[in-house]
PDB file of all heavy atoms in Angstrom:
ATOM      1  N   HIS A   1     -21.394 -37.602  19.087  1.00  0.00           N
ATOM      2  CA  HIS A   1     -21.450 -38.993  19.579  1.00  0.00           C
ATOM      3  C   HIS A   1     -22.616 -39.763  18.970  1.00  0.00           C
ATOM      4  O   HIS A   1     -23.087 -40.737  19.555  1.00  0.00           O
ATOM      5  CB  HIS A   1     -21.536 -38.998  21.107  1.00  0.00           C
ATOM      6  CG  HIS A   1     -20.296 -38.476  21.761  1.00  0.00           C
ATOM      7  ND1 HIS A   1     -19.145 -39.214  21.854  1.00  0.00           N
ATOM      8  CD2 HIS A   1     -20.038 -37.267  22.335  1.00  0.00           C
ATOM      9  CE1 HIS A   1     -18.209 -38.492  22.475  1.00  0.00           C
ATOM     10  NE2 HIS A   1     -18.728 -37.311  22.776  1.00  0.00           N
ATOM     11  N   ARG A   2     -23.048 -39.341  17.787  1.00  0.00           N
ATOM     12  CA  ARG A   2     -24.157 -40.023  17.119  1.00  0.00           C
ATOM     13  C   ARG A   2     -23.855 -41.510  16.896  1.00  0.00           C
ATOM     14  O   ARG A   2     -24.735 -42.367  16.938  1.00  0.00           O
ATOM     15  CB  ARG A   2     -24.438 -39.326  15.784  1.00  0.00           C
ATOM     16  CG  ARG A   2     -25.535 -39.953  14.937  1.00  0.00           C
ATOM     17  CD  ARG A   2     -26.905 -39.558  15.423  1.00  0.00           C
ATOM     18  NE  ARG A   2     -27.946 -40.140  14.594  1.00  0.00           N
ATOM     19  CZ  ARG A   2     -28.422 -39.614  13.471  1.00  0.00           C
ATOM     20  NH1 ARG A   2     -27.944 -38.443  13.032  1.00  0.00           N
ATOM     21  NH2 ARG A   2     -29.373 -40.213  12.782  1.00  0.00           N
ATOM     22  N   GLY A   3     -22.594 -41.842  16.638  1.00  0.00           N
ATOM     23  CA  GLY A   3     -22.213 -43.232  16.388  1.00  0.00           C
ATOM     24  C   GLY A   3     -22.140 -44.099  17.628  1.00  0.00           C
ATOM     25  O   GLY A   3     -21.932 -45.316  17.518  1.00  0.00           O
ATOM     26  N   ARG A   4     -22.279 -43.482  18.820  1.00  0.00           N
ATOM     27  CA  ARG A   4     -22.302 -44.202  20.100  1.00  0.00           C
ATOM     28  C   ARG A   4     -21.036 -45.023  20.315  1.00  0.00           C
ATOM     29  O   ARG A   4     -21.050 -46.049  20.996  1.00  0.00           O
ATOM     30  CB  ARG A   4     -23.541 -45.101  20.215  1.00  0.00           C
ATOM     31  CG  ARG A   4     -24.850 -44.425  19.842  1.00  0.00           C
ATOM     32  CD  ARG A   4     -26.047 -45.332  20.029  1.00  0.00           C
ATOM     33  NE  ARG A   4     -26.403 -45.415  21.449  1.00  0.00           N
ATOM     34  CZ  ARG A   4     -27.224 -44.548  22.068  1.00  0.00           C
ATOM     35  NH1 ARG A   4     -27.743 -43.533  21.383  1.00  0.00           N
ATOM     36  NH2 ARG A   4     -27.520 -44.693  23.332  1.00  0.00           N
ATOM     37  N   SER A   5     -19.934 -44.587  19.764  1.00  0.00           N
ATOM     38  CA  SER A   5     -18.670 -45.313  19.904  1.00  0.00           C
ATOM     39  C   SER A   5     -17.962 -44.910  21.189  1.00  0.00           C
ATOM     40  O   SER A   5     -17.900 -43.729  21.536  1.00  0.00           O
ATOM     41  CB  SER A   5     -17.761 -45.022  18.709  1.00  0.00           C
ATOM     42  OG  SER A   5     -16.461 -45.533  18.937  1.00  0.00           O
ATOM     43  N   ALA A   6     -17.421 -45.912  21.865  1.00  0.00           N
ATOM     44  CA  ALA A   6     -16.677 -45.637  23.097  1.00  0.00           C
ATOM     45  C   ALA A   6     -15.256 -45.189  22.810  1.00  0.00           C
ATOM     46  O   ALA A   6     -14.557 -44.700  23.696  1.00  0.00           O
ATOM     47  CB  ALA A   6     -16.653 -46.884  23.977  1.00  0.00           C
ATOM     48  N   THR A   7     -14.797 -45.341  21.558  1.00  0.00           N
ATOM     49  CA  THR A   7     -13.402 -45.028  21.216  1.00  0.00           C
ATOM     50  C   THR A   7     -13.259 -43.754  20.404  1.00  0.00           C
ATOM     51  O   THR A   7     -12.204 -43.119  20.432  1.00  0.00           O
ATOM     52  CB  THR A   7     -12.767 -46.194  20.439  1.00  0.00           C
ATOM     53  OG1 THR A   7     -13.542 -46.439  19.258  1.00  0.00           O
ATOM     54  CG2 THR A   7     -12.729 -47.454  21.294  1.00  0.00           C
ATOM     55  N   ALA A   8     -14.295 -43.355  19.644  1.00  0.00           N
ATOM     56  CA  ALA A   8     -14.207 -42.152  18.821  1.00  0.00           C
ATOM     57  C   ALA A   8     -14.327 -40.913  19.699  1.00  0.00           C
ATOM     58  O   ALA A   8     -15.405 -40.587  20.198  1.00  0.00           O
ATOM     59  CB  ALA A   8     -15.309 -42.153  17.761  1.00  0.00           C
ATOM     60  N   LYS A   9     -13.212 -40.227  19.915  1.00  0.00           N
ATOM     61  CA  LYS A   9     -13.185 -39.051  20.780  1.00  0.00           C
ATOM     62  C   LYS A   9     -12.504 -37.902  20.048  1.00  0.00           C
ATOM     63  O   LYS A   9     -11.318 -37.629  20.269  1.00  0.00           O
ATOM     64  CB  LYS A   9     -12.460 -39.358  22.093  1.00  0.00           C
ATOM     65  CG  LYS A   9     -13.115 -40.473  22.907  1.00  0.00           C
ATOM     66  CD  LYS A   9     -12.328 -40.761  24.164  1.00  0.00           C
ATOM     67  CE  LYS A   9     -12.975 -41.881  24.976  1.00  0.00           C
ATOM     68  NZ  LYS A   9     -12.221 -42.201  26.202  1.00  0.00           N
ATOM     69  N   PRO A  10     -13.218 -37.227  19.169  1.00  0.00           N
ATOM     70  CA  PRO A  10     -12.573 -36.179  18.372  1.00  0.00           C
ATOM     71  C   PRO A  10     -12.174 -34.945  19.181  1.00  0.00           C
ATOM     72  O   PRO A  10     -11.216 -34.262  18.832  1.00  0.00           O
ATOM     73  CB  PRO A  10     -13.646 -35.818  17.338  1.00  0.00           C
ATOM     74  CG  PRO A  10     -14.932 -36.213  17.973  1.00  0.00           C
ATOM     75  CD  PRO A  10     -14.626 -37.425  18.796  1.00  0.00           C
ATOM     76  N   ASN A  11     -12.904 -34.641  20.270  1.00  0.00           N
ATOM     77  CA  ASN A  11     -12.613 -33.478  21.115  1.00  0.00           C
ATOM     78  C   ASN A  11     -12.340 -32.215  20.304  1.00  0.00           C
ATOM     79  O   ASN A  11     -11.239 -31.648  20.356  1.00  0.00           O
ATOM     80  CB  ASN A  11     -11.416 -33.770  22.035  1.00  0.00           C
ATOM     81  CG  ASN A  11     -11.718 -34.856  23.034  1.00  0.00           C
ATOM     82  OD1 ASN A  11     -12.870 -35.081  23.382  1.00  0.00           O
ATOM     83  ND2 ASN A  11     -10.677 -35.543  23.499  1.00  0.00           N
ATOM     84  N   PRO A  12     -13.292 -31.753  19.506  1.00  0.00           N
ATOM     85  CA  PRO A  12     -13.069 -30.548  18.692  1.00  0.00           C
ATOM     86  C   PRO A  12     -12.950 -29.298  19.549  1.00  0.00           C
ATOM     87  O   PRO A  12     -13.402 -29.257  20.697  1.00  0.00           O
ATOM     88  CB  PRO A  12     -14.319 -30.497  17.809  1.00  0.00           C
ATOM     89  CG  PRO A  12     -15.375 -31.158  18.633  1.00  0.00           C
ATOM     90  CD  PRO A  12     -14.678 -32.268  19.377  1.00  0.00           C
ATOM     91  N   MET A  13     -12.342 -28.283  18.977  1.00  0.00           N
ATOM     92  CA  MET A  13     -12.227 -26.978  19.635  1.00  0.00           C
ATOM     93  C   MET A  13     -13.338 -26.075  19.107  1.00  0.00           C
ATOM     94  O   MET A  13     -13.592 -26.020  17.896  1.00  0.00           O
ATOM     95  CB  MET A  13     -10.867 -26.345  19.350  1.00  0.00           C
ATOM     96  CG  MET A  13      -9.683 -27.181  19.831  1.00  0.00           C
ATOM     97  SD  MET A  13      -9.701 -27.409  21.633  1.00  0.00           S
ATOM     98  CE  MET A  13      -9.440 -25.720  22.179  1.00  0.00           C
ATOM     99  N   LEU A  14     -14.000 -25.383  20.028  1.00  0.00           N
ATOM    100  CA  LEU A  14     -15.115 -24.520  19.650  1.00  0.00           C
ATOM    101  C   LEU A  14     -14.827 -23.092  20.082  1.00  0.00           C
ATOM    102  O   LEU A  14     -14.378 -22.848  21.201  1.00  0.00           O
ATOM    103  CB  LEU A  14     -16.414 -25.009  20.317  1.00  0.00           C
ATOM    104  CG  LEU A  14     -17.696 -24.242  19.985  1.00  0.00           C
ATOM    105  CD1 LEU A  14     -18.063 -24.412  18.520  1.00  0.00           C
ATOM    106  CD2 LEU A  14     -18.843 -24.714  20.878  1.00  0.00           C
ATOM    107  N   SER A  15     -15.093 -22.156  19.188  1.00  0.00           N
ATOM    108  CA  SER A  15     -14.992 -20.736  19.527  1.00  0.00           C
ATOM    109  C   SER A  15     -16.294 -20.056  19.137  1.00  0.00           C
ATOM    110  O   SER A  15     -17.007 -20.510  18.234  1.00  0.00           O
ATOM    111  CB  SER A  15     -13.808 -20.074  18.818  1.00  0.00           C
ATOM    112  OG  SER A  15     -13.934 -20.188  17.409  1.00  0.00           O
ATOM    113  N   ALA A  16     -16.607 -18.968  19.835  1.00  0.00           N
ATOM    114  CA  ALA A  16     -17.879 -18.290  19.601  1.00  0.00           C
ATOM    115  C   ALA A  16     -17.676 -16.792  19.559  1.00  0.00           C
ATOM    116  O   ALA A  16     -16.878 -16.227  20.319  1.00  0.00           O
ATOM    117  CB  ALA A  16     -18.870 -18.637  20.705  1.00  0.00           C
ATOM    118  N   ASP A  17     -18.400 -16.159  18.645  1.00  0.00           N
ATOM    119  CA  ASP A  17     -18.427 -14.708  18.545  1.00  0.00           C
ATOM    120  C   ASP A  17     -19.877 -14.314  18.333  1.00  0.00           C
ATOM    121  O   ASP A  17     -20.379 -14.336  17.201  1.00  0.00           O
ATOM    122  CB  ASP A  17     -17.544 -14.230  17.403  1.00  0.00           C
ATOM    123  CG  ASP A  17     -17.507 -12.705  17.309  1.00  0.00           C
ATOM    124  OD1 ASP A  17     -17.992 -12.051  18.252  1.00  0.00           O
ATOM    125  OD2 ASP A  17     -17.025 -12.193  16.290  1.00  0.00           O
ATOM    126  N   GLU A  18     -20.569 -13.983  19.430  1.00  0.00           N
ATOM    127  CA  GLU A  18     -22.005 -13.742  19.407  1.00  0.00           C
ATOM    128  C   GLU A  18     -22.726 -14.923  18.755  1.00  0.00           C
ATOM    129  O   GLU A  18     -22.641 -16.020  19.275  1.00  0.00           O
ATOM    130  CB  GLU A  18     -22.319 -12.416  18.706  1.00  0.00           C
ATOM    131  CG  GLU A  18     -22.017 -11.209  19.589  1.00  0.00           C
ATOM    132  CD  GLU A  18     -22.754 -11.227  20.925  1.00  0.00           C
ATOM    133  OE1 GLU A  18     -23.958 -11.559  20.957  1.00  0.00           O
ATOM    134  OE2 GLU A  18     -22.129 -10.902  21.952  1.00  0.00           O
ATOM    135  N   ASN A  19     -23.334 -14.753  17.612  1.00  0.00           N
ATOM    136  CA  ASN A  19     -24.106 -15.838  17.011  1.00  0.00           C
ATOM    137  C   ASN A  19     -23.344 -16.592  15.927  1.00  0.00           C
ATOM    138  O   ASN A  19     -23.956 -17.245  15.074  1.00  0.00           O
ATOM    139  CB  ASN A  19     -25.419 -15.291  16.434  1.00  0.00           C
ATOM    140  CG  ASN A  19     -26.377 -14.858  17.531  1.00  0.00           C
ATOM    141  OD1 ASN A  19     -26.387 -15.440  18.613  1.00  0.00           O
ATOM    142  ND2 ASN A  19     -27.164 -13.836  17.258  1.00  0.00           N
ATOM    143  N   ALA A  20     -22.026 -16.522  15.972  1.00  0.00           N
ATOM    144  CA  ALA A  20     -21.199 -17.253  15.013  1.00  0.00           C
ATOM    145  C   ALA A  20     -20.319 -18.248  15.760  1.00  0.00           C
ATOM    146  O   ALA A  20     -19.637 -17.899  16.723  1.00  0.00           O
ATOM    147  CB  ALA A  20     -20.333 -16.291  14.205  1.00  0.00           C
ATOM    148  N   LEU A  21     -20.350 -19.512  15.319  1.00  0.00           N
ATOM    149  CA  LEU A  21     -19.569 -20.581  15.938  1.00  0.00           C
ATOM    150  C   LEU A  21     -18.577 -21.149  14.929  1.00  0.00           C
ATOM    151  O   LEU A  21     -18.889 -21.277  13.738  1.00  0.00           O
ATOM    152  CB  LEU A  21     -20.488 -21.716  16.410  1.00  0.00           C
ATOM    153  CG  LEU A  21     -21.381 -21.456  17.627  1.00  0.00           C
ATOM    154  CD1 LEU A  21     -22.315 -22.637  17.823  1.00  0.00           C
ATOM    155  CD2 LEU A  21     -20.554 -21.222  18.868  1.00  0.00           C
ATOM    156  N   SER A  22     -17.402 -21.513  15.455  1.00  0.00           N
ATOM    157  CA  SER A  22     -16.398 -22.179  14.629  1.00  0.00           C
ATOM    158  C   SER A  22     -15.956 -23.439  15.351  1.00  0.00           C
ATOM    159  O   SER A  22     -15.473 -23.380  16.492  1.00  0.00           O
ATOM    160  CB  SER A  22     -15.203 -21.254  14.381  1.00  0.00           C
ATOM    161  OG  SER A  22     -14.209 -21.924  13.624  1.00  0.00           O
ATOM    162  N   LEU A  23     -16.131 -24.591  14.685  1.00  0.00           N
ATOM    163  CA  LEU A  23     -15.827 -25.887  15.279  1.00  0.00           C
ATOM    164  C   LEU A  23     -14.640 -26.492  14.539  1.00  0.00           C
ATOM    165  O   LEU A  23     -14.709 -26.737  13.327  1.00  0.00           O
ATOM    166  CB  LEU A  23     -17.053 -26.800  15.167  1.00  0.00           C
ATOM    167  CG  LEU A  23     -17.078 -28.097  15.968  1.00  0.00           C
ATOM    168  CD1 LEU A  23     -17.010 -27.816  17.467  1.00  0.00           C
ATOM    169  CD2 LEU A  23     -18.349 -28.883  15.646  1.00  0.00           C
ATOM    170  N   CYS A  24     -13.545 -26.720  15.243  1.00  0.00           N
ATOM    171  CA  CYS A  24     -12.299 -27.194  14.632  1.00  0.00           C
ATOM    172  C   CYS A  24     -11.981 -28.604  15.110  1.00  0.00           C
ATOM    173  O   CYS A  24     -11.772 -28.824  16.308  1.00  0.00           O
ATOM    174  CB  CYS A  24     -11.158 -26.237  14.966  1.00  0.00           C
ATOM    175  SG  CYS A  24      -9.561 -26.749  14.298  1.00  0.00           S
ATOM    176  N   PHE A  25     -11.940 -29.555  14.163  1.00  0.00           N
ATOM    177  CA  PHE A  25     -11.632 -30.948  14.477  1.00  0.00           C
ATOM    178  C   PHE A  25     -10.144 -31.233  14.249  1.00  0.00           C
ATOM    179  O   PHE A  25      -9.470 -30.498  13.513  1.00  0.00           O
ATOM    180  CB  PHE A  25     -12.477 -31.880  13.603  1.00  0.00           C
ATOM    181  CG  PHE A  25     -13.930 -31.909  13.964  1.00  0.00           C
ATOM    182  CD1 PHE A  25     -14.815 -30.983  13.421  1.00  0.00           C
ATOM    183  CD2 PHE A  25     -14.420 -32.855  14.860  1.00  0.00           C
ATOM    184  CE1 PHE A  25     -16.159 -31.001  13.761  1.00  0.00           C
ATOM    185  CE2 PHE A  25     -15.757 -32.881  15.197  1.00  0.00           C
ATOM    186  CZ  PHE A  25     -16.628 -31.942  14.646  1.00  0.00           C
ATOM    187  N   PRO A  26      -9.599 -32.303  14.817  1.00  0.00           N
ATOM    188  CA  PRO A  26      -8.212 -32.687  14.545  1.00  0.00           C
ATOM    189  C   PRO A  26      -8.001 -32.914  13.048  1.00  0.00           C
ATOM    190  O   PRO A  26      -8.925 -33.294  12.320  1.00  0.00           O
ATOM    191  CB  PRO A  26      -8.044 -33.986  15.340  1.00  0.00           C
ATOM    192  CG  PRO A  26      -9.076 -33.920  16.416  1.00  0.00           C
ATOM    193  CD  PRO A  26     -10.242 -33.182  15.805  1.00  0.00           C
ATOM    194  N   ASP A  27      -6.782 -32.689  12.602  1.00  0.00           N
ATOM    195  CA  ASP A  27      -6.464 -32.850  11.181  1.00  0.00           C
ATOM    196  C   ASP A  27      -6.883 -34.226  10.675  1.00  0.00           C
ATOM    197  O   ASP A  27      -6.567 -35.252  11.277  1.00  0.00           O
ATOM    198  CB  ASP A  27      -4.961 -32.667  10.954  1.00  0.00           C
ATOM    199  CG  ASP A  27      -4.527 -31.222  11.142  1.00  0.00           C
ATOM    200  OD1 ASP A  27      -5.404 -30.345  11.109  1.00  0.00           O
ATOM    201  OD2 ASP A  27      -3.310 -30.990  11.321  1.00  0.00           O
ATOM    202  N   GLY A  28      -7.609 -34.227   9.570  1.00  0.00           N
ATOM    203  CA  GLY A  28      -7.983 -35.471   8.915  1.00  0.00           C
ATOM    204  C   GLY A  28      -9.210 -36.150   9.494  1.00  0.00           C
ATOM    205  O   GLY A  28      -9.718 -37.113   8.889  1.00  0.00           O
ATOM    206  N   TRP A  29      -9.714 -35.672  10.629  1.00  0.00           N
ATOM    207  CA  TRP A  29     -10.824 -36.391  11.270  1.00  0.00           C
ATOM    208  C   TRP A  29     -12.079 -36.352  10.399  1.00  0.00           C
ATOM    209  O   TRP A  29     -12.736 -37.376  10.206  1.00  0.00           O
ATOM    210  CB  TRP A  29     -11.119 -35.790  12.644  1.00  0.00           C
ATOM    211  CG  TRP A  29     -12.047 -36.653  13.466  1.00  0.00           C
ATOM    212  CD1 TRP A  29     -11.704 -37.663  14.305  1.00  0.00           C
ATOM    213  CD2 TRP A  29     -13.493 -36.584  13.491  1.00  0.00           C
ATOM    214  NE1 TRP A  29     -12.824 -38.236  14.860  1.00  0.00           N
ATOM    215  CE2 TRP A  29     -13.940 -37.593  14.376  1.00  0.00           C
ATOM    216  CE3 TRP A  29     -14.424 -35.781  12.864  1.00  0.00           C
ATOM    217  CZ2 TRP A  29     -15.285 -37.804  14.645  1.00  0.00           C
ATOM    218  CZ3 TRP A  29     -15.769 -35.986  13.114  1.00  0.00           C
ATOM    219  CH2 TRP A  29     -16.194 -36.998  14.000  1.00  0.00           C
ATOM    220  N   LEU A  30     -12.425 -35.194   9.868  1.00  0.00           N
ATOM    221  CA  LEU A  30     -13.636 -35.089   9.061  1.00  0.00           C
ATOM    222  C   LEU A  30     -13.526 -35.903   7.766  1.00  0.00           C
ATOM    223  O   LEU A  30     -14.514 -36.478   7.307  1.00  0.00           O
ATOM    224  CB  LEU A  30     -13.926 -33.622   8.740  1.00  0.00           C
ATOM    225  CG  LEU A  30     -14.496 -32.790   9.891  1.00  0.00           C
ATOM    226  CD1 LEU A  30     -14.606 -31.330   9.492  1.00  0.00           C
ATOM    227  CD2 LEU A  30     -15.851 -33.314  10.333  1.00  0.00           C
ATOM    228  N   ASN A  31     -12.301 -35.965   7.179  1.00  0.00           N
ATOM    229  CA  ASN A  31     -12.120 -36.772   5.969  1.00  0.00           C
ATOM    230  C   ASN A  31     -12.344 -38.247   6.247  1.00  0.00           C
ATOM    231  O   ASN A  31     -12.829 -38.985   5.386  1.00  0.00           O
ATOM    232  CB  ASN A  31     -10.722 -36.554   5.392  1.00  0.00           C
ATOM    233  CG  ASN A  31     -10.557 -35.165   4.807  1.00  0.00           C
ATOM    234  OD1 ASN A  31     -11.542 -34.544   4.381  1.00  0.00           O
ATOM    235  ND2 ASN A  31      -9.321 -34.663   4.795  1.00  0.00           N
TER     236      ASN A  31
END
């Protein structure tokens, strides 16, 4: 939420395995 936008809601999925994290955004969001 760095952009402080009220409309940008990516809601990524996060998974964790001890000290490893995987953050998955909706298709095309990062582009």
